[in-house]
């Protein structure tokens, strides 16, 4: 399965959630609302989830094996870092600062 597109839909600087991402696979299937989270050990991705009746959050979609999870995470975080660098450069060019 090929990752054919990664789109950063929203970026933020406040709080632990840093971005919301959509990923397209094989130009045929898209997963929305993958979150980029800043944790104590760096950035990680959280798959779309919903709250169950007993208050737990369960992933709606997720990778089946660790190899694909790592590949997906790596590619999403790479795209996020690229978008972050572009945003920082735009702020610098405008004479401001990005927190």
C-alpha atoms as a PDB file:
ATOM      1  CA  UNK A   1       0.000   0.000   0.000  1.00  0.00           C
ATOM      2  CA  UNK A   2       1.450   3.322  -1.071  1.00  0.00           C
ATOM      3  CA  UNK A   3       0.979   6.623   0.717  1.00  0.00           C
ATOM      4  CA  UNK A   4       0.147   8.859  -2.232  1.00  0.00           C
ATOM      5  CA  UNK A   5      -0.656  12.122  -0.452  1.00  0.00           C
ATOM      6  CA  UNK A   6      -0.260  13.724   2.953  1.00  0.00           C
ATOM      7  CA  UNK A   7      -2.133  16.971   3.541  1.00  0.00           C
ATOM      8  CA  UNK A   8      -1.651  19.114   6.636  1.00  0.00           C
ATOM      9  CA  UNK A   9      -5.163  20.473   7.160  1.00  0.00           C
ATOM     10  CA  UNK A  10      -4.600  22.485  10.332  1.00  0.00           C
ATOM     11  CA  UNK A  11      -1.546  23.564  12.304  1.00  0.00           C
ATOM     12  CA  UNK A  12      -1.378  25.138  15.726  1.00  0.00           C
ATOM     13  CA  UNK A  13       1.167  26.246  18.286  1.00  0.00           C
ATOM     14  CA  UNK A  14      -1.026  26.076  21.385  1.00  0.00           C
ATOM     15  CA  UNK A  15      -1.362  22.903  23.429  1.00  0.00           C
ATOM     16  CA  UNK A  16      -0.032  19.435  22.656  1.00  0.00           C
ATOM     17  CA  UNK A  17      -1.950  18.855  19.416  1.00  0.00           C
ATOM     18  CA  UNK A  18       0.175  20.438  16.693  1.00  0.00           C
ATOM     19  CA  UNK A  19      -1.566  19.435  13.456  1.00  0.00           C
ATOM     20  CA  UNK A  20      -4.456  17.579  11.864  1.00  0.00           C
ATOM     21  CA  UNK A  21      -3.524  15.550   8.811  1.00  0.00           C
ATOM     22  CA  UNK A  22      -5.243  13.653   5.992  1.00  0.00           C
ATOM     23  CA  UNK A  23      -3.447  10.735   4.326  1.00  0.00           C
ATOM     24  CA  UNK A  24      -4.409   9.225   0.974  1.00  0.00           C
ATOM     25  CA  UNK A  25      -3.463   5.634   0.120  1.00  0.00           C
ATOM     26  CA  UNK A  26      -3.104   4.291  -3.426  1.00  0.00           C
ATOM     27  CA  UNK A  27      -4.995   7.335  -4.767  1.00  0.00           C
ATOM     28  CA  UNK A  28      -8.103   5.452  -3.647  1.00  0.00           C
ATOM     29  CA  UNK A  29      -8.637   5.701   0.112  1.00  0.00           C
ATOM     30  CA  UNK A  30      -8.252   8.644   2.507  1.00  0.00           C
ATOM     31  CA  UNK A  31      -8.023   8.823   6.290  1.00  0.00           C
ATOM     32  CA  UNK A  32      -8.836  12.209   7.835  1.00  0.00           C
ATOM     33  CA  UNK A  33      -8.148  13.534  11.329  1.00  0.00           C
ATOM     34  CA  UNK A  34      -4.796  11.935  12.060  1.00  0.00           C
ATOM     35  CA  UNK A  35      -3.326  14.140  14.777  1.00  0.00           C
ATOM     36  CA  UNK A  36       0.285  15.181  15.305  1.00  0.00           C
ATOM     37  CA  UNK A  37       0.847  15.335  19.060  1.00  0.00           C
ATOM     38  CA  UNK A  38       3.829  16.720  20.967  1.00  0.00           C
ATOM     39  CA  UNK A  39       4.624  14.313  23.794  1.00  0.00           C
ATOM     40  CA  UNK A  40       7.333  14.248  26.429  1.00  0.00           C
ATOM     41  CA  UNK A  41       9.551  12.118  24.150  1.00  0.00           C
ATOM     42  CA  UNK A  42       8.901  14.048  20.925  1.00  0.00           C
ATOM     43  CA  UNK A  43       6.199  14.062  18.297  1.00  0.00           C
ATOM     44  CA  UNK A  44       3.906  11.137  17.521  1.00  0.00           C
ATOM     45  CA  UNK A  45       0.718  10.553  15.545  1.00  0.00           C
ATOM     46  CA  UNK A  46      -2.681   9.598  16.934  1.00  0.00           C
ATOM     47  CA  UNK A  47      -5.137   7.845  14.683  1.00  0.00           C
ATOM     48  CA  UNK A  48      -8.782   9.015  14.436  1.00  0.00           C
ATOM     49  CA  UNK A  49     -10.788   7.763  17.388  1.00  0.00           C
ATOM     50  CA  UNK A  50     -14.147   8.056  19.048  1.00  0.00           C
ATOM     51  CA  UNK A  51     -15.305   7.911  22.620  1.00  0.00           C
ATOM     52  CA  UNK A  52     -17.157   4.746  23.623  1.00  0.00           C
ATOM     53  CA  UNK A  53     -20.112   4.637  26.006  1.00  0.00           C
ATOM     54  CA  UNK A  54     -17.809   3.690  28.879  1.00  0.00           C
ATOM     55  CA  UNK A  55     -15.585   6.743  28.281  1.00  0.00           C
ATOM     56  CA  UNK A  56     -12.680   5.015  26.531  1.00  0.00           C
ATOM     57  CA  UNK A  57     -11.285   6.234  23.230  1.00  0.00           C
ATOM     58  CA  UNK A  58     -10.984   3.596  20.495  1.00  0.00           C
ATOM     59  CA  UNK A  59      -9.196   4.044  17.174  1.00  0.00           C
ATOM     60  CA  UNK A  60     -11.571   4.014  14.224  1.00  0.00           C
ATOM     61  CA  UNK A  61      -8.786   3.060  11.799  1.00  0.00           C
ATOM     62  CA  UNK A  62      -5.240   1.948  12.506  1.00  0.00           C
ATOM     63  CA  UNK A  63      -2.279   0.121  10.972  1.00  0.00           C
ATOM     64  CA  UNK A  64      -2.309  -3.641  11.425  1.00  0.00           C
ATOM     65  CA  UNK A  65       1.437  -4.139  11.833  1.00  0.00           C
ATOM     66  CA  UNK A  66       4.295  -2.226  13.412  1.00  0.00           C
ATOM     67  CA  UNK A  67       6.233  -1.846  10.139  1.00  0.00           C
ATOM     68  CA  UNK A  68       3.411   0.039   8.452  1.00  0.00           C
ATOM     69  CA  UNK A  69       2.688   2.053  11.611  1.00  0.00           C
ATOM     70  CA  UNK A  70       6.333   3.184  11.674  1.00  0.00           C
ATOM     71  CA  UNK A  71       6.311   4.054   7.969  1.00  0.00           C
ATOM     72  CA  UNK A  72       3.072   6.016   8.288  1.00  0.00           C
ATOM     73  CA  UNK A  73       4.301   7.835  11.379  1.00  0.00           C
ATOM     74  CA  UNK A  74       7.648   8.651   9.794  1.00  0.00           C
ATOM     75  CA  UNK A  75       6.111  10.056   6.610  1.00  0.00           C
ATOM     76  CA  UNK A  76       3.441  12.102   8.420  1.00  0.00           C
ATOM     77  CA  UNK A  77       5.984  13.577  10.848  1.00  0.00           C
ATOM     78  CA  UNK A  78       8.370  14.374   7.980  1.00  0.00           C
ATOM     79  CA  UNK A  79       5.579  16.236   6.174  1.00  0.00           C
ATOM     80  CA  UNK A  80       4.681  18.066   9.410  1.00  0.00           C
ATOM     81  CA  UNK A  81       8.306  19.157   9.930  1.00  0.00           C
ATOM     82  CA  UNK A  82       8.447  20.445   6.326  1.00  0.00           C
ATOM     83  CA  UNK A  83       5.216  22.420   6.851  1.00  0.00           C
ATOM     84  CA  UNK A  84       6.545  23.779  10.148  1.00  0.00           C
ATOM     85  CA  UNK A  85       9.780  24.955   8.491  1.00  0.00           C
ATOM     86  CA  UNK A  86       7.795  26.687   5.724  1.00  0.00           C
ATOM     87  CA  UNK A  87       5.559  28.398   8.296  1.00  0.00           C
ATOM     88  CA  UNK A  88       8.590  29.548  10.300  1.00  0.00           C
ATOM     89  CA  UNK A  89      10.289  30.890   7.164  1.00  0.00           C
ATOM     90  CA  UNK A  90       7.151  32.824   6.217  1.00  0.00           C
ATOM     91  CA  UNK A  91       6.972  34.387   9.671  1.00  0.00           C
ATOM     92  CA  UNK A  92      10.684  35.242   9.547  1.00  0.00           C
ATOM     93  CA  UNK A  93      10.290  36.805   6.092  1.00  0.00           C
ATOM     94  CA  UNK A  94       7.389  38.863   7.438  1.00  0.00           C
ATOM     95  CA  UNK A  95       9.570  40.081  10.336  1.00  0.00           C
ATOM     96  CA  UNK A  96       7.696  38.282  13.108  1.00  0.00           C
ATOM     97  CA  UNK A  97       8.367  35.322  15.334  1.00  0.00           C
ATOM     98  CA  UNK A  98       6.651  31.961  15.638  1.00  0.00           C
ATOM     99  CA  UNK A  99       6.298  30.633  19.189  1.00  0.00           C
END
